[in-house]
PDB file of N, CA and C in Angstrom:
ATOM      1  N   MET A   1     113.184  40.667  49.484  1.00  0.00           N
ATOM      2  CA  MET A   1     111.750  40.930  49.522  1.00  0.00           C
ATOM      3  C   MET A   1     111.073  39.670  50.005  1.00  0.00           C
ATOM      4  N   LYS A   2     110.143  39.881  50.926  1.00  0.00           N
ATOM      5  CA  LYS A   2     109.402  38.756  51.501  1.00  0.00           C
ATOM      6  C   LYS A   2     108.385  38.252  50.461  1.00  0.00           C
ATOM      7  N   ARG A   3     108.358  36.922  50.248  1.00  0.00           N
ATOM      8  CA  ARG A   3     107.427  36.319  49.233  1.00  0.00           C
ATOM      9  C   ARG A   3     106.077  36.185  49.907  1.00  0.00           C
ATOM     10  N   LYS A   4     105.058  36.602  49.182  1.00  0.00           N
ATOM     11  CA  LYS A   4     103.705  36.418  49.671  1.00  0.00           C
ATOM     12  C   LYS A   4     102.725  36.556  48.452  1.00  0.00           C
ATOM     13  N   THR A   5     101.614  35.911  48.567  1.00  0.00           N
ATOM     14  CA  THR A   5     100.584  36.032  47.579  1.00  0.00           C
ATOM     15  C   THR A   5      99.713  37.187  47.891  1.00  0.00           C
ATOM     16  N   LEU A   6      99.508  38.059  46.869  1.00  0.00           N
ATOM     17  CA  LEU A   6      98.714  39.264  47.052  1.00  0.00           C
ATOM     18  C   LEU A   6      97.274  38.989  46.776  1.00  0.00           C
ATOM     19  N   THR A   7      96.404  39.767  47.408  1.00  0.00           N
ATOM     20  CA  THR A   7      95.014  39.772  47.067  1.00  0.00           C
ATOM     21  C   THR A   7      94.821  40.423  45.752  1.00  0.00           C
ATOM     22  N   GLY A   8      93.661  40.284  45.139  1.00  0.00           N
ATOM     23  CA  GLY A   8      93.379  40.966  43.865  1.00  0.00           C
ATOM     24  C   GLY A   8      93.498  42.502  43.991  1.00  0.00           C
ATOM     25  N   GLY A   9      93.064  43.055  45.085  1.00  0.00           N
ATOM     26  CA  GLY A   9      93.207  44.505  45.288  1.00  0.00           C
ATOM     27  C   GLY A   9      94.592  44.956  45.469  1.00  0.00           C
ATOM     28  N   GLU A  10      95.403  44.163  46.223  1.00  0.00           N
ATOM     29  CA  GLU A  10      96.858  44.511  46.388  1.00  0.00           C
ATOM     30  C   GLU A  10      97.553  44.425  45.111  1.00  0.00           C
ATOM     31  N   ARG A  11      97.270  43.402  44.281  1.00  0.00           N
ATOM     32  CA  ARG A  11      97.894  43.214  42.987  1.00  0.00           C
ATOM     33  C   ARG A  11      97.554  44.360  42.064  1.00  0.00           C
ATOM     34  N   ALA A  12      96.306  44.830  42.103  1.00  0.00           N
ATOM     35  CA  ALA A  12      95.896  45.967  41.319  1.00  0.00           C
ATOM     36  C   ALA A  12      96.625  47.284  41.745  1.00  0.00           C
ATOM     37  N   ASP A  13      96.897  47.402  43.053  1.00  0.00           N
ATOM     38  CA  ASP A  13      97.631  48.542  43.594  1.00  0.00           C
ATOM     39  C   ASP A  13      99.062  48.500  43.097  1.00  0.00           C
ATOM     40  N   TRP A  14      99.639  47.314  43.092  1.00  0.00           N
ATOM     41  CA  TRP A  14     101.025  47.111  42.583  1.00  0.00           C
ATOM     42  C   TRP A  14     101.069  47.505  41.129  1.00  0.00           C
ATOM     43  N   LEU A  15     100.091  47.055  40.345  1.00  0.00           N
ATOM     44  CA  LEU A  15     100.068  47.337  38.939  1.00  0.00           C
ATOM     45  C   LEU A  15      99.900  48.851  38.732  1.00  0.00           C
ATOM     46  N   ARG A  16      99.028  49.468  39.471  1.00  0.00           N
ATOM     47  CA  ARG A  16      98.809  50.911  39.312  1.00  0.00           C
ATOM     48  C   ARG A  16     100.102  51.689  39.705  1.00  0.00           C
ATOM     49  N   LEU A  17     100.762  51.264  40.755  1.00  0.00           N
ATOM     50  CA  LEU A  17     101.980  52.008  41.139  1.00  0.00           C
ATOM     51  C   LEU A  17     103.067  51.731  40.119  1.00  0.00           C
ATOM     52  N   SER A  18     103.120  50.491  39.554  1.00  0.00           N
ATOM     53  CA  SER A  18     104.158  50.224  38.573  1.00  0.00           C
ATOM     54  C   SER A  18     103.907  51.005  37.285  1.00  0.00           C
ATOM     55  N   ARG A  19     102.678  51.387  37.039  1.00  0.00           N
ATOM     56  CA  ARG A  19     102.328  52.175  35.818  1.00  0.00           C
ATOM     57  C   ARG A  19     102.378  53.683  36.121  1.00  0.00           C
ATOM     58  N   THR A  20     102.757  54.072  37.307  1.00  0.00           N
ATOM     59  CA  THR A  20     102.788  55.491  37.654  1.00  0.00           C
ATOM     60  C   THR A  20     103.943  56.182  36.978  1.00  0.00           C
ATOM     61  N   ARG A  21     103.589  57.275  36.261  1.00  0.00           N
ATOM     62  CA  ARG A  21     104.577  58.103  35.551  1.00  0.00           C
ATOM     63  C   ARG A  21     105.602  58.641  36.606  1.00  0.00           C
ATOM     64  N   GLY A  22     106.854  58.476  36.284  1.00  0.00           N
ATOM     65  CA  GLY A  22     107.911  59.024  37.183  1.00  0.00           C
ATOM     66  C   GLY A  22     108.422  58.078  38.217  1.00  0.00           C
ATOM     67  N   ILE A  23     107.877  56.814  38.234  1.00  0.00           N
ATOM     68  CA  ILE A  23     108.322  55.812  39.158  1.00  0.00           C
ATOM     69  C   ILE A  23     108.787  54.557  38.425  1.00  0.00           C
ATOM     70  N   GLY A  24     110.083  54.363  38.372  1.00  0.00           N
ATOM     71  CA  GLY A  24     110.624  53.172  37.747  1.00  0.00           C
ATOM     72  C   GLY A  24     110.767  51.991  38.735  1.00  0.00           C
ATOM     73  N   PRO A  25     111.278  50.893  38.281  1.00  0.00           N
ATOM     74  CA  PRO A  25     111.384  49.724  39.170  1.00  0.00           C
ATOM     75  C   PRO A  25     112.225  49.958  40.413  1.00  0.00           C
ATOM     76  N   ILE A  26     113.306  50.628  40.311  1.00  0.00           N
ATOM     77  CA  ILE A  26     114.159  50.858  41.524  1.00  0.00           C
ATOM     78  C   ILE A  26     113.423  51.747  42.533  1.00  0.00           C
ATOM     79  N   THR A  27     112.869  52.808  42.085  1.00  0.00           N
ATOM     80  CA  THR A  27     112.095  53.657  42.976  1.00  0.00           C
ATOM     81  C   THR A  27     110.855  52.929  43.545  1.00  0.00           C
ATOM     82  N   PHE A  28     110.202  52.125  42.694  1.00  0.00           N
ATOM     83  CA  PHE A  28     109.035  51.339  43.122  1.00  0.00           C
ATOM     84  C   PHE A  28     109.391  50.511  44.371  1.00  0.00           C
ATOM     85  N   PHE A  29     110.472  49.795  44.299  1.00  0.00           N
ATOM     86  CA  PHE A  29     110.845  48.910  45.425  1.00  0.00           C
ATOM     87  C   PHE A  29     111.319  49.719  46.637  1.00  0.00           C
ATOM     88  N   HIS A  30     111.997  50.846  46.428  1.00  0.00           N
ATOM     89  CA  HIS A  30     112.421  51.687  47.550  1.00  0.00           C
ATOM     90  C   HIS A  30     111.160  52.211  48.253  1.00  0.00           C
ATOM     91  N   LEU A  31     110.184  52.651  47.488  1.00  0.00           N
ATOM     92  CA  LEU A  31     108.960  53.146  48.093  1.00  0.00           C
ATOM     93  C   LEU A  31     108.212  52.114  48.852  1.00  0.00           C
ATOM     94  N   LEU A  32     108.132  50.896  48.259  1.00  0.00           N
ATOM     95  CA  LEU A  32     107.477  49.822  48.997  1.00  0.00           C
ATOM     96  C   LEU A  32     108.148  49.567  50.347  1.00  0.00           C
ATOM     97  N   GLU A  33     109.470  49.564  50.332  1.00  0.00           N
ATOM     98  CA  GLU A  33     110.205  49.296  51.549  1.00  0.00           C
ATOM     99  C   GLU A  33     109.890  50.416  52.572  1.00  0.00           C
ATOM    100  N   ARG A  34     109.822  51.621  52.132  1.00  0.00           N
ATOM    101  CA  ARG A  34     109.577  52.798  53.003  1.00  0.00           C
ATOM    102  C   ARG A  34     108.156  52.730  53.562  1.00  0.00           C
ATOM    103  N   TYR A  35     107.204  52.196  52.815  1.00  0.00           N
ATOM    104  CA  TYR A  35     105.795  52.169  53.185  1.00  0.00           C
ATOM    105  C   TYR A  35     105.353  50.756  53.654  1.00  0.00           C
ATOM    106  N   ASP A  36     106.264  50.036  54.225  1.00  0.00           N
ATOM    107  CA  ASP A  36     105.978  48.691  54.810  1.00  0.00           C
ATOM    108  C   ASP A  36     105.330  47.757  53.831  1.00  0.00           C
ATOM    109  N   GLY A  37     105.689  47.818  52.561  1.00  0.00           N
ATOM    110  CA  GLY A  37     105.192  46.895  51.568  1.00  0.00           C
ATOM    111  C   GLY A  37     103.834  47.196  50.995  1.00  0.00           C
ATOM    112  N   SER A  38     103.283  48.368  51.326  1.00  0.00           N
ATOM    113  CA  SER A  38     101.903  48.707  50.913  1.00  0.00           C
ATOM    114  C   SER A  38     101.918  49.668  49.704  1.00  0.00           C
ATOM    115  N   ALA A  39     101.593  49.124  48.531  1.00  0.00           N
ATOM    116  CA  ALA A  39     101.459  49.953  47.373  1.00  0.00           C
ATOM    117  C   ALA A  39     100.331  50.970  47.542  1.00  0.00           C
ATOM    118  N   ALA A  40      99.259  50.584  48.227  1.00  0.00           N
ATOM    119  CA  ALA A  40      98.131  51.444  48.471  1.00  0.00           C
ATOM    120  C   ALA A  40      98.570  52.685  49.293  1.00  0.00           C
ATOM    121  N   ALA A  41      99.442  52.467  50.270  1.00  0.00           N
ATOM    122  CA  ALA A  41      99.922  53.600  51.086  1.00  0.00           C
ATOM    123  C   ALA A  41     100.759  54.540  50.229  1.00  0.00           C
ATOM    124  N   VAL A  42     101.596  53.964  49.368  1.00  0.00           N
ATOM    125  CA  VAL A  42     102.420  54.812  48.471  1.00  0.00           C
ATOM    126  C   VAL A  42     101.514  55.641  47.604  1.00  0.00           C
ATOM    127  N   LEU A  43     100.499  54.977  46.937  1.00  0.00           N
ATOM    128  CA  LEU A  43      99.585  55.690  46.065  1.00  0.00           C
ATOM    129  C   LEU A  43      98.862  56.820  46.783  1.00  0.00           C
ATOM    130  N   ALA A  44      98.471  56.560  48.004  1.00  0.00           N
ATOM    131  CA  ALA A  44      97.761  57.583  48.802  1.00  0.00           C
ATOM    132  C   ALA A  44      98.645  58.761  49.108  1.00  0.00           C
ATOM    133  N   ASP A  45      99.965  58.525  49.243  1.00  0.00           N
ATOM    134  CA  ASP A  45     100.900  59.564  49.590  1.00  0.00           C
ATOM    135  C   ASP A  45     101.575  60.218  48.381  1.00  0.00           C
ATOM    136  N   LEU A  46     101.205  59.837  47.139  1.00  0.00           N
ATOM    137  CA  LEU A  46     101.864  60.395  45.958  1.00  0.00           C
ATOM    138  C   LEU A  46     101.793  61.943  45.907  1.00  0.00           C
ATOM    139  N   PRO A  47     100.709  62.558  46.201  1.00  0.00           N
ATOM    140  CA  PRO A  47     100.673  64.058  46.203  1.00  0.00           C
ATOM    141  C   PRO A  47     101.766  64.633  47.113  1.00  0.00           C
ATOM    142  N   ALA A  48     101.923  64.066  48.284  1.00  0.00           N
ATOM    143  CA  ALA A  48     102.905  64.548  49.247  1.00  0.00           C
ATOM    144  C   ALA A  48     104.304  64.301  48.689  1.00  0.00           C
ATOM    145  N   LEU A  49     104.516  63.142  48.076  1.00  0.00           N
ATOM    146  CA  LEU A  49     105.851  62.808  47.524  1.00  0.00           C
ATOM    147  C   LEU A  49     106.182  63.782  46.442  1.00  0.00           C
ATOM    148  N   SER A  50     105.184  64.124  45.628  1.00  0.00           N
ATOM    149  CA  SER A  50     105.439  65.102  44.497  1.00  0.00           C
ATOM    150  C   SER A  50     105.779  66.437  45.076  1.00  0.00           C
ATOM    151  N   ARG A  51     105.073  66.855  46.096  1.00  0.00           N
ATOM    152  CA  ARG A  51     105.386  68.186  46.736  1.00  0.00           C
ATOM    153  C   ARG A  51     106.806  68.172  47.309  1.00  0.00           C
ATOM    154  N   LYS A  52     107.196  67.041  47.934  1.00  0.00           N
ATOM    155  CA  LYS A  52     108.519  66.929  48.505  1.00  0.00           C
ATOM    156  C   LYS A  52     109.594  67.068  47.444  1.00  0.00           C
ATOM    157  N   ALA A  53     109.250  66.623  46.242  1.00  0.00           N
ATOM    158  CA  ALA A  53     110.175  66.728  45.121  1.00  0.00           C
ATOM    159  C   ALA A  53     110.165  68.111  44.531  1.00  0.00           C
ATOM    160  N   GLY A  54     109.426  69.029  45.193  1.00  0.00           N
ATOM    161  CA  GLY A  54     109.382  70.400  44.692  1.00  0.00           C
ATOM    162  C   GLY A  54     108.437  70.545  43.530  1.00  0.00           C
ATOM    163  N   GLY A  55     107.603  69.580  43.303  1.00  0.00           N
ATOM    164  CA  GLY A  55     106.677  69.646  42.165  1.00  0.00           C
ATOM    165  C   GLY A  55     107.375  69.515  40.829  1.00  0.00           C
ATOM    166  N   LYS A  56     108.660  69.223  40.857  1.00  0.00           N
ATOM    167  CA  LYS A  56     109.472  69.078  39.626  1.00  0.00           C
ATOM    168  C   LYS A  56     109.233  67.699  39.004  1.00  0.00           C
ATOM    169  N   SER A  57     108.896  66.752  39.762  1.00  0.00           N
ATOM    170  CA  SER A  57     108.730  65.410  39.224  1.00  0.00           C
ATOM    171  C   SER A  57     107.289  65.248  38.747  1.00  0.00           C
ATOM    172  N   ASP A  58     107.183  64.607  37.620  1.00  0.00           N
ATOM    173  CA  ASP A  58     105.870  64.332  37.053  1.00  0.00           C
ATOM    174  C   ASP A  58     105.453  62.947  37.529  1.00  0.00           C
ATOM    175  N   ILE A  59     104.873  62.928  38.745  1.00  0.00           N
ATOM    176  CA  ILE A  59     104.452  61.735  39.364  1.00  0.00           C
ATOM    177  C   ILE A  59     102.917  61.666  39.295  1.00  0.00           C
ATOM    178  N   SER A  60     102.418  60.847  38.370  1.00  0.00           N
ATOM    179  CA  SER A  60     100.959  60.707  38.279  1.00  0.00           C
ATOM    180  C   SER A  60     100.563  59.247  37.982  1.00  0.00           C
ATOM    181  N   ALA A  61      99.699  58.772  38.866  1.00  0.00           N
ATOM    182  CA  ALA A  61      99.210  57.415  38.788  1.00  0.00           C
ATOM    183  C   ALA A  61      98.088  57.303  37.797  1.00  0.00           C
ATOM    184  N   PRO A  62      97.979  56.177  37.071  1.00  0.00           N
ATOM    185  CA  PRO A  62      96.811  56.083  36.185  1.00  0.00           C
ATOM    186  C   PRO A  62      95.550  55.867  37.076  1.00  0.00           C
ATOM    187  N   ARG A  63      94.432  56.171  36.457  1.00  0.00           N
ATOM    188  CA  ARG A  63      93.177  55.951  37.188  1.00  0.00           C
ATOM    189  C   ARG A  63      92.979  54.517  37.504  1.00  0.00           C
ATOM    190  N   LYS A  64      92.284  54.267  38.630  1.00  0.00           N
ATOM    191  CA  LYS A  64      91.974  52.844  38.976  1.00  0.00           C
ATOM    192  C   LYS A  64      91.137  52.206  37.901  1.00  0.00           C
ATOM    193  N   SER A  65      90.284  52.882  37.230  1.00  0.00           N
ATOM    194  CA  SER A  65      89.484  52.366  36.212  1.00  0.00           C
ATOM    195  C   SER A  65      90.298  51.857  35.004  1.00  0.00           C
ATOM    196  N   ASP A  66      91.375  52.580  34.721  1.00  0.00           N
ATOM    197  CA  ASP A  66      92.305  52.184  33.629  1.00  0.00           C
ATOM    198  C   ASP A  66      92.992  50.870  33.999  1.00  0.00           C
ATOM    199  N   ILE A  67      93.388  50.711  35.242  1.00  0.00           N
ATOM    200  CA  ILE A  67      94.041  49.506  35.705  1.00  0.00           C
ATOM    201  C   ILE A  67      93.019  48.347  35.688  1.00  0.00           C
ATOM    202  N   ASP A  68      91.795  48.603  36.138  1.00  0.00           N
ATOM    203  CA  ASP A  68      90.743  47.584  36.087  1.00  0.00           C
ATOM    204  C   ASP A  68      90.508  47.093  34.633  1.00  0.00           C
ATOM    205  N   ARG A  69      90.525  48.004  33.670  1.00  0.00           N
ATOM    206  CA  ARG A  69      90.377  47.619  32.266  1.00  0.00           C
ATOM    207  C   ARG A  69      91.598  46.790  31.789  1.00  0.00           C
ATOM    208  N   GLU A  70      92.770  47.148  32.240  1.00  0.00           N
ATOM    209  CA  GLU A  70      93.977  46.340  31.849  1.00  0.00           C
ATOM    210  C   GLU A  70      93.873  44.939  32.402  1.00  0.00           C
ATOM    211  N   ILE A  71      93.433  44.825  33.623  1.00  0.00           N
ATOM    212  CA  ILE A  71      93.302  43.491  34.221  1.00  0.00           C
ATOM    213  C   ILE A  71      92.240  42.698  33.483  1.00  0.00           C
ATOM    214  N   GLU A  72      91.160  43.320  33.193  1.00  0.00           N
ATOM    215  CA  GLU A  72      90.006  42.627  32.434  1.00  0.00           C
ATOM    216  C   GLU A  72      90.468  42.210  31.022  1.00  0.00           C
ATOM    217  N   ALA A  73      91.245  43.075  30.358  1.00  0.00           N
ATOM    218  CA  ALA A  73      91.702  42.746  29.008  1.00  0.00           C
ATOM    219  C   ALA A  73      92.670  41.559  29.109  1.00  0.00           C
ATOM    220  N   ALA A  74      93.501  41.522  30.108  1.00  0.00           N
ATOM    221  CA  ALA A  74      94.429  40.371  30.254  1.00  0.00           C
ATOM    222  C   ALA A  74      93.620  39.106  30.477  1.00  0.00           C
ATOM    223  N   ALA A  75      92.608  39.168  31.341  1.00  0.00           N
ATOM    224  CA  ALA A  75      91.797  37.961  31.652  1.00  0.00           C
ATOM    225  C   ALA A  75      91.085  37.450  30.424  1.00  0.00           C
ATOM    226  N   LYS A  76      90.661  38.381  29.487  1.00  0.00           N
ATOM    227  CA  LYS A  76      90.000  37.931  28.275  1.00  0.00           C
ATOM    228  C   LYS A  76      90.837  37.096  27.383  1.00  0.00           C
ATOM    229  N   ILE A  77      92.153  37.281  27.444  1.00  0.00           N
ATOM    230  CA  ILE A  77      93.049  36.455  26.643  1.00  0.00           C
ATOM    231  C   ILE A  77      93.706  35.325  27.423  1.00  0.00           C
ATOM    232  N   GLY A  78      93.212  35.110  28.625  1.00  0.00           N
ATOM    233  CA  GLY A  78      93.776  34.071  29.454  1.00  0.00           C
ATOM    234  C   GLY A  78      95.058  34.421  30.185  1.00  0.00           C
ATOM    235  N   ALA A  79      95.310  35.683  30.408  1.00  0.00           N
ATOM    236  CA  ALA A  79      96.497  36.154  31.078  1.00  0.00           C
ATOM    237  C   ALA A  79      96.128  36.719  32.474  1.00  0.00           C
ATOM    238  N   PHE A  80      97.123  36.897  33.276  1.00  0.00           N
ATOM    239  CA  PHE A  80      96.936  37.461  34.595  1.00  0.00           C
ATOM    240  C   PHE A  80      98.194  38.186  34.976  1.00  0.00           C
ATOM    241  N   HIS A  81      98.127  39.017  35.993  1.00  0.00           N
ATOM    242  CA  HIS A  81      99.270  39.756  36.442  1.00  0.00           C
ATOM    243  C   HIS A  81      99.904  39.096  37.696  1.00  0.00           C
ATOM    244  N   LEU A  82     101.168  39.136  37.752  1.00  0.00           N
ATOM    245  CA  LEU A  82     101.942  38.509  38.826  1.00  0.00           C
ATOM    246  C   LEU A  82     102.909  39.549  39.376  1.00  0.00           C
ATOM    247  N   ALA A  83     102.868  39.761  40.707  1.00  0.00           N
ATOM    248  CA  ALA A  83     103.802  40.763  41.321  1.00  0.00           C
ATOM    249  C   ALA A  83     105.102  40.071  41.696  1.00  0.00           C
ATOM    250  N   ALA A  84     106.179  40.854  41.780  1.00  0.00           N
ATOM    251  CA  ALA A  84     107.498  40.309  42.044  1.00  0.00           C
ATOM    252  C   ALA A  84     107.604  39.644  43.393  1.00  0.00           C
ATOM    253  N   CYS A  85     106.734  39.923  44.312  1.00  0.00           N
ATOM    254  CA  CYS A  85     106.803  39.358  45.639  1.00  0.00           C
ATOM    255  C   CYS A  85     106.084  37.943  45.708  1.00  0.00           C
ATOM    256  N   GLU A  86     105.392  37.609  44.623  1.00  0.00           N
ATOM    257  CA  GLU A  86     104.581  36.392  44.682  1.00  0.00           C
ATOM    258  C   GLU A  86     105.433  35.167  44.406  1.00  0.00           C
ATOM    259  N   PRO A  87     105.046  34.078  45.032  1.00  0.00           N
ATOM    260  CA  PRO A  87     105.835  32.824  44.913  1.00  0.00           C
ATOM    261  C   PRO A  87     106.011  32.281  43.478  1.00  0.00           C
ATOM    262  N   ASP A  88     105.054  32.538  42.607  1.00  0.00           N
ATOM    263  CA  ASP A  88     105.151  32.028  41.197  1.00  0.00           C
ATOM    264  C   ASP A  88     105.927  32.922  40.277  1.00  0.00           C
ATOM    265  N   TYR A  89     106.341  34.108  40.777  1.00  0.00           N
ATOM    266  CA  TYR A  89     107.152  35.061  39.989  1.00  0.00           C
ATOM    267  C   TYR A  89     108.517  34.367  39.703  1.00  0.00           C
ATOM    268  N   SER A  90     108.965  34.520  38.478  1.00  0.00           N
ATOM    269  CA  SER A  90     110.237  33.910  38.054  1.00  0.00           C
ATOM    270  C   SER A  90     111.430  34.282  38.976  1.00  0.00           C
ATOM    271  N   ALA A  91     112.062  33.300  39.558  1.00  0.00           N
ATOM    272  CA  ALA A  91     113.205  33.528  40.402  1.00  0.00           C
ATOM    273  C   ALA A  91     114.396  34.193  39.571  1.00  0.00           C
ATOM    274  N   CYS A  92     114.515  33.773  38.354  1.00  0.00           N
ATOM    275  CA  CYS A  92     115.544  34.351  37.465  1.00  0.00           C
ATOM    276  C   CYS A  92     115.271  35.817  37.179  1.00  0.00           C
ATOM    277  N   LEU A  93     114.055  36.110  36.928  1.00  0.00           N
ATOM    278  CA  LEU A  93     113.667  37.499  36.676  1.00  0.00           C
ATOM    279  C   LEU A  93     113.793  38.364  37.912  1.00  0.00           C
ATOM    280  N   ALA A  94     113.446  37.792  39.060  1.00  0.00           N
ATOM    281  CA  ALA A  94     113.556  38.481  40.380  1.00  0.00           C
ATOM    282  C   ALA A  94     114.992  38.784  40.700  1.00  0.00           C
ATOM    283  N   ALA A  95     115.915  38.039  40.139  1.00  0.00           N
ATOM    284  CA  ALA A  95     117.334  38.170  40.499  1.00  0.00           C
ATOM    285  C   ALA A  95     118.033  39.324  39.793  1.00  0.00           C
ATOM    286  N   ILE A  96     117.440  39.906  38.794  1.00  0.00           N
ATOM    287  CA  ILE A  96     118.087  41.027  38.060  1.00  0.00           C
ATOM    288  C   ILE A  96     117.994  42.277  38.933  1.00  0.00           C
ATOM    289  N   ASP A  97     118.867  43.272  38.631  1.00  0.00           N
ATOM    290  CA  ASP A  97     118.987  44.457  39.433  1.00  0.00           C
ATOM    291  C   ASP A  97     117.703  45.230  39.568  1.00  0.00           C
ATOM    292  N   ALA A  98     116.958  45.397  38.532  1.00  0.00           N
ATOM    293  CA  ALA A  98     115.636  46.117  38.616  1.00  0.00           C
ATOM    294  C   ALA A  98     114.566  45.342  37.885  1.00  0.00           C
ATOM    295  N   PRO A  99     114.072  44.289  38.604  1.00  0.00           N
ATOM    296  CA  PRO A  99     113.077  43.438  37.936  1.00  0.00           C
ATOM    297  C   PRO A  99     111.749  44.238  37.794  1.00  0.00           C
ATOM    298  N   PRO A 100     110.971  43.895  36.792  1.00  0.00           N
ATOM    299  CA  PRO A 100     109.673  44.528  36.684  1.00  0.00           C
ATOM    300  C   PRO A 100     108.810  44.167  37.899  1.00  0.00           C
ATOM    301  N   PRO A 101     108.178  45.169  38.479  1.00  0.00           N
ATOM    302  CA  PRO A 101     107.370  44.901  39.707  1.00  0.00           C
ATOM    303  C   PRO A 101     106.215  43.997  39.389  1.00  0.00           C
ATOM    304  N   VAL A 102     105.614  44.108  38.223  1.00  0.00           N
ATOM    305  CA  VAL A 102     104.493  43.315  37.821  1.00  0.00           C
ATOM    306  C   VAL A 102     104.669  42.844  36.393  1.00  0.00           C
ATOM    307  N   ILE A 103     104.350  41.558  36.134  1.00  0.00           N
ATOM    308  CA  ILE A 103     104.381  41.032  34.793  1.00  0.00           C
ATOM    309  C   ILE A 103     103.039  40.453  34.453  1.00  0.00           C
ATOM    310  N   ALA A 104     102.759  40.377  33.169  1.00  0.00           N
ATOM    311  CA  ALA A 104     101.548  39.677  32.696  1.00  0.00           C
ATOM    312  C   ALA A 104     101.996  38.283  32.282  1.00  0.00           C
ATOM    313  N   VAL A 105     101.250  37.258  32.695  1.00  0.00           N
ATOM    314  CA  VAL A 105     101.561  35.930  32.432  1.00  0.00           C
ATOM    315  C   VAL A 105     100.443  35.248  31.733  1.00  0.00           C
ATOM    316  N   ARG A 106     100.735  34.448  30.701  1.00  0.00           N
ATOM    317  CA  ARG A 106      99.679  33.763  30.011  1.00  0.00           C
ATOM    318  C   ARG A 106     100.106  32.287  29.898  1.00  0.00           C
ATOM    319  N   GLY A 107      99.215  31.415  30.226  1.00  0.00           N
ATOM    320  CA  GLY A 107      99.526  29.968  30.048  1.00  0.00           C
ATOM    321  C   GLY A 107      99.608  29.219  31.344  1.00  0.00           C
TER     322      GLY A 107
END
């Protein structure tokens, strides 16, 4: 995965996709690869992906407002979210088979 610093909006999209019901870490990274690294594009195409799965998969993203509240709550305690592609993400954590796409960091 190419290392890059995300914008606040991109990071929020990563967090939202990582919190999407029915998408685990392995699927998350496969989808990002398929959609040229854009979590926003994956989120926009979720209804089509669900239809392609025959509607059998419970794929539902949290509301953007819920993600905004999560980000704000983290900020209130001095924490922030860090995506797996970002330079400050733990190299050891990134090396595991299915690293968490987004982690909350404090300190």
